[in-house]
Amino acid sequence: MSEPTIVLVHGAFADASGFAGVIAELGSAGLTAIAPPNPLRSLASDAATVAAAVSAIDGPVVLVGHSYGGAVITQASAGLENVTSLVYLAAFGLEVGESCASSQQPFPPSMLANTAAPTSQPAVGAAGGPDLYISREGFRETFCADVPVDVADIMYATQRPLAAAALNENATAAGWKNKPSWFLSTTTPSRRTRSGFTPSGWAPPPRRSTGRTRCSSPGRWPWRASSRRRSPAEMPRES
């Protein structure tokens, strides 16, 4: 079996350059990784964009999503035969009929509820409603608490908005139902801030089991067909 291509899907308020460190690390291990753009307009259209990029790849694909990107790979992967496995990095793994917003409802409001601000104009290319940006005052603590202040300032200035409608759009397919899937949930203080946020994005608090495989210290990861057991310190991490 040929080595898979690793396709990394970013979440809200960022772009694919956030995976630069992961791409370099995978490359040093002899693996090919790409990070296509995630438009952040709607779950269905974002999934279609990612699906088009993945379907153009000749050979097996490991599809990786972070934060909102997890919802996108959940939807996109269901109809992709070359996707051999899914990896969720502090990401949404939605059930059919579930949205990012509804999956949070059983839990206390997240930090983003207080730091995200809607635009006064409708979100271009979305089904309706505004775009969401994270405010300057709350950006670093909400989104990138582990990076230097000067870097956080640049990330704030270059953030990609998320169409609010995407958060309320229900998944109509779930690839994790029939594809091997791994979930990495951040729980240590150095990698997680309060209310379910990670420094590099938004993820829900630990939630009810719905049959998906979850592992905080994964054994066999799908980067290689013969991958060895890795400790959490050895896992790829977003820069």
C-alpha atoms as a PDB file:
ATOM      1  CA  MET A   1       0.000   0.000   0.000  1.00  0.00           C
ATOM      2  CA  SER A   2       1.352   3.425  -0.944  1.00  0.00           C
ATOM      3  CA  GLU A   3       1.994   6.059   1.686  1.00  0.00           C
ATOM      4  CA  PRO A   4      -1.049   8.251   2.256  1.00  0.00           C
ATOM      5  CA  THR A   5      -1.203  11.950   1.549  1.00  0.00           C
ATOM      6  CA  ILE A   6      -2.048  13.849   4.724  1.00  0.00           C
ATOM      7  CA  VAL A   7      -4.699  16.513   4.066  1.00  0.00           C
ATOM      8  CA  LEU A   8      -4.965  19.079   6.870  1.00  0.00           C
ATOM      9  CA  VAL A   9      -8.140  21.152   7.208  1.00  0.00           C
ATOM     10  CA  HIS A  10      -7.976  24.276   9.344  1.00  0.00           C
ATOM     11  CA  GLY A  11     -10.702  25.741  11.504  1.00  0.00           C
ATOM     12  CA  ALA A  12     -12.309  29.139  11.937  1.00  0.00           C
ATOM     13  CA  PHE A  13     -10.519  32.488  12.272  1.00  0.00           C
ATOM     14  CA  ALA A  14      -7.351  31.130  10.637  1.00  0.00           C
ATOM     15  CA  ASP A  15      -6.006  29.909   7.330  1.00  0.00           C
ATOM     16  CA  ALA A  16      -4.005  26.905   6.218  1.00  0.00           C
ATOM     17  CA  SER A  17      -0.664  28.523   7.089  1.00  0.00           C
ATOM     18  CA  GLY A  18      -1.362  27.595  10.716  1.00  0.00           C
ATOM     19  CA  PHE A  19      -0.337  24.048   9.779  1.00  0.00           C
ATOM     20  CA  ALA A  20       3.160  25.111   8.684  1.00  0.00           C
ATOM     21  CA  GLY A  21       4.860  23.355  11.584  1.00  0.00           C
ATOM     22  CA  VAL A  22       2.852  20.168  11.086  1.00  0.00           C
ATOM     23  CA  ILE A  23       3.597  20.080   7.360  1.00  0.00           C
ATOM     24  CA  ALA A  24       7.319  20.495   8.040  1.00  0.00           C
ATOM     25  CA  GLU A  25       7.282  17.767  10.685  1.00  0.00           C
ATOM     26  CA  LEU A  26       5.416  15.333   8.456  1.00  0.00           C
ATOM     27  CA  GLY A  27       7.733  16.179   5.576  1.00  0.00           C
ATOM     28  CA  SER A  28      10.771  15.370   7.698  1.00  0.00           C
ATOM     29  CA  ALA A  29       9.188  11.956   8.305  1.00  0.00           C
ATOM     30  CA  GLY A  30       8.929  11.389   4.558  1.00  0.00           C
ATOM     31  CA  LEU A  31       5.208  12.046   4.314  1.00  0.00           C
ATOM     32  CA  THR A  32       3.423  14.341   1.883  1.00  0.00           C
ATOM     33  CA  ALA A  33       1.037  16.829   3.484  1.00  0.00           C
ATOM     34  CA  ILE A  34      -1.137  19.526   1.977  1.00  0.00           C
ATOM     35  CA  ALA A  35      -3.492  22.049   3.571  1.00  0.00           C
ATOM     36  CA  PRO A  36      -6.221  23.234   1.202  1.00  0.00           C
ATOM     37  CA  PRO A  37      -8.193  26.386   1.997  1.00  0.00           C
ATOM     38  CA  ASN A  38     -11.342  26.057   4.056  1.00  0.00           C
ATOM     39  CA  PRO A  39     -13.657  28.872   2.905  1.00  0.00           C
ATOM     40  CA  LEU A  40     -15.563  29.093   6.227  1.00  0.00           C
ATOM     41  CA  ARG A  41     -18.828  29.961   4.456  1.00  0.00           C
ATOM     42  CA  SER A  42     -21.120  26.993   5.168  1.00  0.00           C
ATOM     43  CA  LEU A  43     -20.655  23.420   6.282  1.00  0.00           C
ATOM     44  CA  ALA A  44     -21.953  21.979   3.008  1.00  0.00           C
ATOM     45  CA  SER A  45     -19.954  24.245   0.697  1.00  0.00           C
ATOM     46  CA  ASP A  46     -16.800  24.049   2.814  1.00  0.00           C
ATOM     47  CA  ALA A  47     -17.052  20.259   2.753  1.00  0.00           C
ATOM     48  CA  ALA A  48     -17.566  20.307  -1.005  1.00  0.00           C
ATOM     49  CA  THR A  49     -14.430  22.434  -1.433  1.00  0.00           C
ATOM     50  CA  VAL A  50     -12.344  20.051   0.656  1.00  0.00           C
ATOM     51  CA  ALA A  51     -13.886  17.017  -1.042  1.00  0.00           C
ATOM     52  CA  ALA A  52     -12.914  18.391  -4.455  1.00  0.00           C
ATOM     53  CA  ALA A  53      -9.308  18.827  -3.328  1.00  0.00           C
ATOM     54  CA  VAL A  54      -9.157  15.340  -1.829  1.00  0.00           C
ATOM     55  CA  SER A  55     -10.792  13.611  -4.786  1.00  0.00           C
ATOM     56  CA  ALA A  56      -8.096  15.039  -7.064  1.00  0.00           C
ATOM     57  CA  ILE A  57      -5.386  13.187  -5.102  1.00  0.00           C
ATOM     58  CA  ASP A  58      -4.190   9.921  -6.622  1.00  0.00           C
ATOM     59  CA  GLY A  59      -3.850   7.442  -3.781  1.00  0.00           C
ATOM     60  CA  PRO A  60      -4.937   7.049  -0.163  1.00  0.00           C
ATOM     61  CA  VAL A  61      -5.618  10.085   2.014  1.00  0.00           C
ATOM     62  CA  VAL A  62      -5.617  10.629   5.760  1.00  0.00           C
ATOM     63  CA  LEU A  63      -8.001  13.524   6.345  1.00  0.00           C
ATOM     64  CA  VAL A  64      -7.228  15.661   9.392  1.00  0.00           C
ATOM     65  CA  GLY A  65      -9.411  18.413  10.826  1.00  0.00           C
ATOM     66  CA  HIS A  66      -8.871  20.933  13.586  1.00  0.00           C
ATOM     67  CA  SER A  67     -11.687  22.740  15.399  1.00  0.00           C
ATOM     68  CA  TYR A  68     -14.443  23.655  12.883  1.00  0.00           C
ATOM     69  CA  GLY A  69     -12.365  21.750  10.340  1.00  0.00           C
ATOM     70  CA  GLY A  70     -13.477  18.582  12.107  1.00  0.00           C
ATOM     71  CA  ALA A  71     -17.074  19.276  11.131  1.00  0.00           C
ATOM     72  CA  VAL A  72     -15.925  19.827   7.557  1.00  0.00           C
ATOM     73  CA  ILE A  73     -14.020  16.543   7.283  1.00  0.00           C
ATOM     74  CA  THR A  74     -16.942  14.712   8.899  1.00  0.00           C
ATOM     75  CA  GLN A  75     -19.209  15.859   6.086  1.00  0.00           C
ATOM     76  CA  ALA A  76     -16.658  15.719   3.267  1.00  0.00           C
ATOM     77  CA  SER A  77     -15.267  12.262   3.942  1.00  0.00           C
ATOM     78  CA  ALA A  78     -18.532  10.337   3.723  1.00  0.00           C
ATOM     79  CA  GLY A  79     -18.433  10.143  -0.063  1.00  0.00           C
ATOM     80  CA  LEU A  80     -14.674   9.902  -0.611  1.00  0.00           C
ATOM     81  CA  GLU A  81     -13.419   6.392  -1.342  1.00  0.00           C
ATOM     82  CA  ASN A  82      -9.734   7.355  -1.189  1.00  0.00           C
ATOM     83  CA  VAL A  83     -10.022   8.618   2.409  1.00  0.00           C
ATOM     84  CA  THR A  84      -8.726   5.740   4.489  1.00  0.00           C
ATOM     85  CA  SER A  85      -8.987   7.347   7.921  1.00  0.00           C
ATOM     86  CA  LEU A  86      -9.887  10.507   9.805  1.00  0.00           C
ATOM     87  CA  VAL A  87      -8.014  12.372  12.534  1.00  0.00           C
ATOM     88  CA  TYR A  88      -9.716  14.966  14.724  1.00  0.00           C
ATOM     89  CA  LEU A  89      -7.350  17.369  16.481  1.00  0.00           C
ATOM     90  CA  ALA A  90      -9.422  19.147  19.146  1.00  0.00           C
ATOM     91  CA  ALA A  91     -12.185  19.155  16.576  1.00  0.00           C
ATOM     92  CA  PHE A  92     -15.901  18.732  16.045  1.00  0.00           C
ATOM     93  CA  GLY A  93     -16.933  15.202  15.059  1.00  0.00           C
ATOM     94  CA  LEU A  94     -20.611  15.761  14.394  1.00  0.00           C
ATOM     95  CA  GLU A  95     -23.448  13.280  14.270  1.00  0.00           C
ATOM     96  CA  VAL A  96     -25.854  13.515  11.331  1.00  0.00           C
ATOM     97  CA  GLY A  97     -28.394  16.198  12.176  1.00  0.00           C
ATOM     98  CA  GLU A  98     -26.039  17.913  14.601  1.00  0.00           C
ATOM     99  CA  SER A  99     -24.361  21.316  14.195  1.00  0.00           C
ATOM    100  CA  CYS A 100     -21.356  22.892  15.851  1.00  0.00           C
ATOM    101  CA  ALA A 101     -23.720  25.113  17.827  1.00  0.00           C
ATOM    102  CA  SER A 102     -26.087  22.343  18.915  1.00  0.00           C
ATOM    103  CA  SER A 103     -23.212  20.121  20.027  1.00  0.00           C
ATOM    104  CA  GLN A 104     -22.229  22.825  22.531  1.00  0.00           C
ATOM    105  CA  GLN A 105     -25.677  23.298  24.020  1.00  0.00           C
ATOM    106  CA  PRO A 106     -25.330  20.803  26.901  1.00  0.00           C
ATOM    107  CA  PHE A 107     -22.316  22.733  28.200  1.00  0.00           C
ATOM    108  CA  PRO A 108     -21.619  26.195  29.652  1.00  0.00           C
ATOM    109  CA  PRO A 109     -21.094  28.980  27.078  1.00  0.00           C
ATOM    110  CA  SER A 110     -17.612  28.984  25.618  1.00  0.00           C
ATOM    111  CA  MET A 111     -15.221  31.907  25.692  1.00  0.00           C
ATOM    112  CA  LEU A 112     -16.013  32.616  22.058  1.00  0.00           C
ATOM    113  CA  ALA A 113     -19.562  33.524  23.050  1.00  0.00           C
ATOM    114  CA  ASN A 114     -18.131  36.627  24.738  1.00  0.00           C
ATOM    115  CA  THR A 115     -15.236  37.475  22.422  1.00  0.00           C
ATOM    116  CA  ALA A 116     -16.699  36.941  18.941  1.00  0.00           C
ATOM    117  CA  ALA A 117     -18.389  39.905  17.316  1.00  0.00           C
ATOM    118  CA  PRO A 118     -20.719  39.858  14.295  1.00  0.00           C
ATOM    119  CA  THR A 119     -20.224  42.171  11.345  1.00  0.00           C
ATOM    120  CA  SER A 120     -22.845  44.756  10.491  1.00  0.00           C
ATOM    121  CA  GLN A 121     -22.997  43.471   6.907  1.00  0.00           C
ATOM    122  CA  PRO A 122     -24.194  40.045   5.714  1.00  0.00           C
ATOM    123  CA  ALA A 123     -21.492  37.444   5.178  1.00  0.00           C
ATOM    124  CA  VAL A 124     -20.628  37.309   1.493  1.00  0.00           C
ATOM    125  CA  GLY A 125     -21.062  33.832   0.048  1.00  0.00           C
ATOM    126  CA  ALA A 126     -22.999  32.520   3.039  1.00  0.00           C
ATOM    127  CA  ALA A 127     -26.629  31.481   3.344  1.00  0.00           C
ATOM    128  CA  GLY A 128     -27.404  34.528   5.476  1.00  0.00           C
ATOM    129  CA  GLY A 129     -26.432  36.300   8.646  1.00  0.00           C
ATOM    130  CA  PRO A 130     -23.159  38.016   9.526  1.00  0.00           C
ATOM    131  CA  ASP A 131     -19.542  37.027   9.619  1.00  0.00           C
ATOM    132  CA  LEU A 132     -17.903  36.488  13.001  1.00  0.00           C
ATOM    133  CA  TYR A 133     -14.554  37.922  14.067  1.00  0.00           C
ATOM    134  CA  ILE A 134     -12.806  37.606  17.415  1.00  0.00           C
ATOM    135  CA  SER A 135     -12.355  40.966  19.114  1.00  0.00           C
ATOM    136  CA  ARG A 136      -8.877  42.383  19.610  1.00  0.00           C
ATOM    137  CA  GLU A 137      -9.260  42.435  23.403  1.00  0.00           C
ATOM    138  CA  GLY A 138     -10.105  38.763  23.652  1.00  0.00           C
ATOM    139  CA  PHE A 139      -8.221  37.368  20.675  1.00  0.00           C
ATOM    140  CA  ARG A 140      -5.042  36.054  22.273  1.00  0.00           C
ATOM    141  CA  GLU A 141      -6.689  34.422  25.278  1.00  0.00           C
ATOM    142  CA  THR A 142      -9.449  32.927  23.141  1.00  0.00           C
ATOM    143  CA  PHE A 143      -7.485  31.787  20.145  1.00  0.00           C
ATOM    144  CA  CYS A 144      -3.733  31.584  20.683  1.00  0.00           C
ATOM    145  CA  ALA A 145      -2.930  31.843  24.386  1.00  0.00           C
ATOM    146  CA  ASP A 146       0.394  30.042  23.980  1.00  0.00           C
ATOM    147  CA  VAL A 147       2.005  32.366  21.420  1.00  0.00           C
ATOM    148  CA  PRO A 148       3.928  35.631  21.987  1.00  0.00           C
ATOM    149  CA  VAL A 149       1.906  38.840  22.057  1.00  0.00           C
ATOM    150  CA  ASP A 150       3.458  40.200  18.852  1.00  0.00           C
ATOM    151  CA  VAL A 151       2.561  37.004  16.989  1.00  0.00           C
ATOM    152  CA  ALA A 152      -0.977  37.094  18.390  1.00  0.00           C
ATOM    153  CA  ASP A 153      -1.332  40.673  17.150  1.00  0.00           C
ATOM    154  CA  ILE A 154      -0.508  39.570  13.617  1.00  0.00           C
ATOM    155  CA  MET A 155      -2.872  36.621  13.881  1.00  0.00           C
ATOM    156  CA  TYR A 156      -5.617  38.986  14.999  1.00  0.00           C
ATOM    157  CA  ALA A 157      -4.993  41.313  12.068  1.00  0.00           C
ATOM    158  CA  THR A 158      -5.034  38.457   9.553  1.00  0.00           C
ATOM    159  CA  GLN A 159      -7.845  36.331  10.990  1.00  0.00           C
ATOM    160  CA  ARG A 160     -10.305  34.751   8.587  1.00  0.00           C
ATOM    161  CA  PRO A 161     -13.962  35.298   9.519  1.00  0.00           C
ATOM    162  CA  LEU A 162     -16.409  32.465   9.938  1.00  0.00           C
ATOM    163  CA  ALA A 163     -19.926  32.853   8.587  1.00  0.00           C
ATOM    164  CA  ALA A 164     -22.212  32.563  11.588  1.00  0.00           C
ATOM    165  CA  ALA A 165     -24.621  30.422   9.578  1.00  0.00           C
ATOM    166  CA  ALA A 166     -21.981  27.688   9.327  1.00  0.00           C
ATOM    167  CA  LEU A 167     -22.130  27.119  13.071  1.00  0.00           C
ATOM    168  CA  ASN A 168     -25.837  26.352  12.919  1.00  0.00           C
ATOM    169  CA  GLU A 169     -25.804  24.175   9.807  1.00  0.00           C
ATOM    170  CA  ASN A 170     -26.532  20.523  10.497  1.00  0.00           C
ATOM    171  CA  ALA A 171     -24.298  17.762   9.192  1.00  0.00           C
ATOM    172  CA  THR A 172     -25.998  15.564   6.596  1.00  0.00           C
ATOM    173  CA  ALA A 173     -23.307  12.867   6.544  1.00  0.00           C
ATOM    174  CA  ALA A 174     -20.685  11.528   8.944  1.00  0.00           C
ATOM    175  CA  GLY A 175     -17.640   9.791   7.529  1.00  0.00           C
ATOM    176  CA  TRP A 176     -16.513   8.563  10.943  1.00  0.00           C
ATOM    177  CA  LYS A 177     -19.372   6.075  10.885  1.00  0.00           C
ATOM    178  CA  ASN A 178     -17.560   3.851   8.391  1.00  0.00           C
ATOM    179  CA  LYS A 179     -13.941   5.022   8.411  1.00  0.00           C
ATOM    180  CA  PRO A 180     -11.299   4.444  11.113  1.00  0.00           C
ATOM    181  CA  SER A 181     -11.154   7.644  13.160  1.00  0.00           C
ATOM    182  CA  TRP A 182      -8.945   9.061  15.904  1.00  0.00           C
ATOM    183  CA  PHE A 183      -9.869  11.916  18.256  1.00  0.00           C
ATOM    184  CA  LEU A 184      -7.197  13.853  20.137  1.00  0.00           C
ATOM    185  CA  SER A 185      -8.683  15.975  22.928  1.00  0.00           C
ATOM    186  CA  THR A 186      -6.473  18.529  24.644  1.00  0.00           C
ATOM    187  CA  THR A 187      -6.862  18.550  28.392  1.00  0.00           C
ATOM    188  CA  THR A 188      -3.612  19.772  29.970  1.00  0.00           C
ATOM    189  CA  PRO A 189      -3.400  23.416  31.089  1.00  0.00           C
ATOM    190  CA  SER A 190      -0.488  24.147  28.761  1.00  0.00           C
ATOM    191  CA  ARG A 191      -2.550  23.199  25.716  1.00  0.00           C
ATOM    192  CA  ARG A 192      -6.046  24.216  26.710  1.00  0.00           C
ATOM    193  CA  THR A 193      -7.664  27.326  28.075  1.00  0.00           C
ATOM    194  CA  ARG A 194     -10.970  27.390  29.899  1.00  0.00           C
ATOM    195  CA  SER A 195     -14.383  26.666  28.420  1.00  0.00           C
ATOM    196  CA  GLY A 196     -13.237  24.216  25.797  1.00  0.00           C
ATOM    197  CA  PHE A 197     -10.825  26.413  23.876  1.00  0.00           C
ATOM    198  CA  THR A 198      -7.401  25.407  22.717  1.00  0.00           C
ATOM    199  CA  PRO A 199      -4.765  28.057  22.009  1.00  0.00           C
ATOM    200  CA  SER A 200      -4.940  27.266  18.281  1.00  0.00           C
ATOM    201  CA  GLY A 201      -8.692  27.120  17.905  1.00  0.00           C
ATOM    202  CA  TRP A 202     -12.122  26.227  19.190  1.00  0.00           C
ATOM    203  CA  ALA A 203     -13.102  22.778  20.418  1.00  0.00           C
ATOM    204  CA  PRO A 204     -16.035  21.600  22.523  1.00  0.00           C
ATOM    205  CA  PRO A 205     -15.576  20.347  26.082  1.00  0.00           C
ATOM    206  CA  PRO A 206     -15.519  16.563  26.557  1.00  0.00           C
ATOM    207  CA  ARG A 207     -18.954  15.343  25.539  1.00  0.00           C
ATOM    208  CA  ARG A 208     -21.132  12.267  25.452  1.00  0.00           C
ATOM    209  CA  SER A 209     -19.943   9.256  23.507  1.00  0.00           C
ATOM    210  CA  THR A 210     -21.721   8.617  20.223  1.00  0.00           C
ATOM    211  CA  GLY A 211     -19.763   5.602  19.132  1.00  0.00           C
ATOM    212  CA  ARG A 212     -16.732   7.477  17.815  1.00  0.00           C
ATOM    213  CA  THR A 213     -13.288   6.307  18.778  1.00  0.00           C
ATOM    214  CA  ARG A 214     -11.705   8.731  21.225  1.00  0.00           C
ATOM    215  CA  CYS A 215      -8.164   8.539  22.543  1.00  0.00           C
ATOM    216  CA  SER A 216      -6.103  11.099  24.405  1.00  0.00           C
ATOM    217  CA  SER A 217      -2.988   8.932  24.074  1.00  0.00           C
ATOM    218  CA  PRO A 218      -3.465   7.253  20.694  1.00  0.00           C
ATOM    219  CA  GLY A 219      -1.873   3.956  19.842  1.00  0.00           C
ATOM    220  CA  ARG A 220      -1.774   3.229  16.121  1.00  0.00           C
ATOM    221  CA  TRP A 221      -2.070   6.467  14.187  1.00  0.00           C
ATOM    222  CA  PRO A 222      -2.794   6.376  10.476  1.00  0.00           C
ATOM    223  CA  TRP A 223       0.214   8.329   9.176  1.00  0.00           C
ATOM    224  CA  ARG A 224       1.772   5.062   8.032  1.00  0.00           C
ATOM    225  CA  ALA A 225       0.321   1.621   7.495  1.00  0.00           C
ATOM    226  CA  SER A 226       2.950   0.257   9.897  1.00  0.00           C
ATOM    227  CA  SER A 227       3.078   3.163  12.329  1.00  0.00           C
ATOM    228  CA  ARG A 228       4.455   2.461  15.784  1.00  0.00           C
ATOM    229  CA  ARG A 229       2.935   3.518  19.091  1.00  0.00           C
ATOM    230  CA  ARG A 230       3.770   7.138  19.868  1.00  0.00           C
ATOM    231  CA  SER A 231       3.696   9.061  23.099  1.00  0.00           C
ATOM    232  CA  PRO A 232       1.670  12.298  23.238  1.00  0.00           C
ATOM    233  CA  ALA A 233       4.938  14.272  23.109  1.00  0.00           C
ATOM    234  CA  GLU A 234       5.687  12.769  19.708  1.00  0.00           C
ATOM    235  CA  MET A 235       2.329  13.609  18.143  1.00  0.00           C
ATOM    236  CA  PRO A 236       2.277  16.222  15.356  1.00  0.00           C
ATOM    237  CA  ARG A 237       1.180  19.608  16.661  1.00  0.00           C
ATOM    238  CA  GLU A 238       0.075  22.765  14.958  1.00  0.00           C
ATOM    239  CA  SER A 239       2.484  25.651  15.160  1.00  0.00           C
END
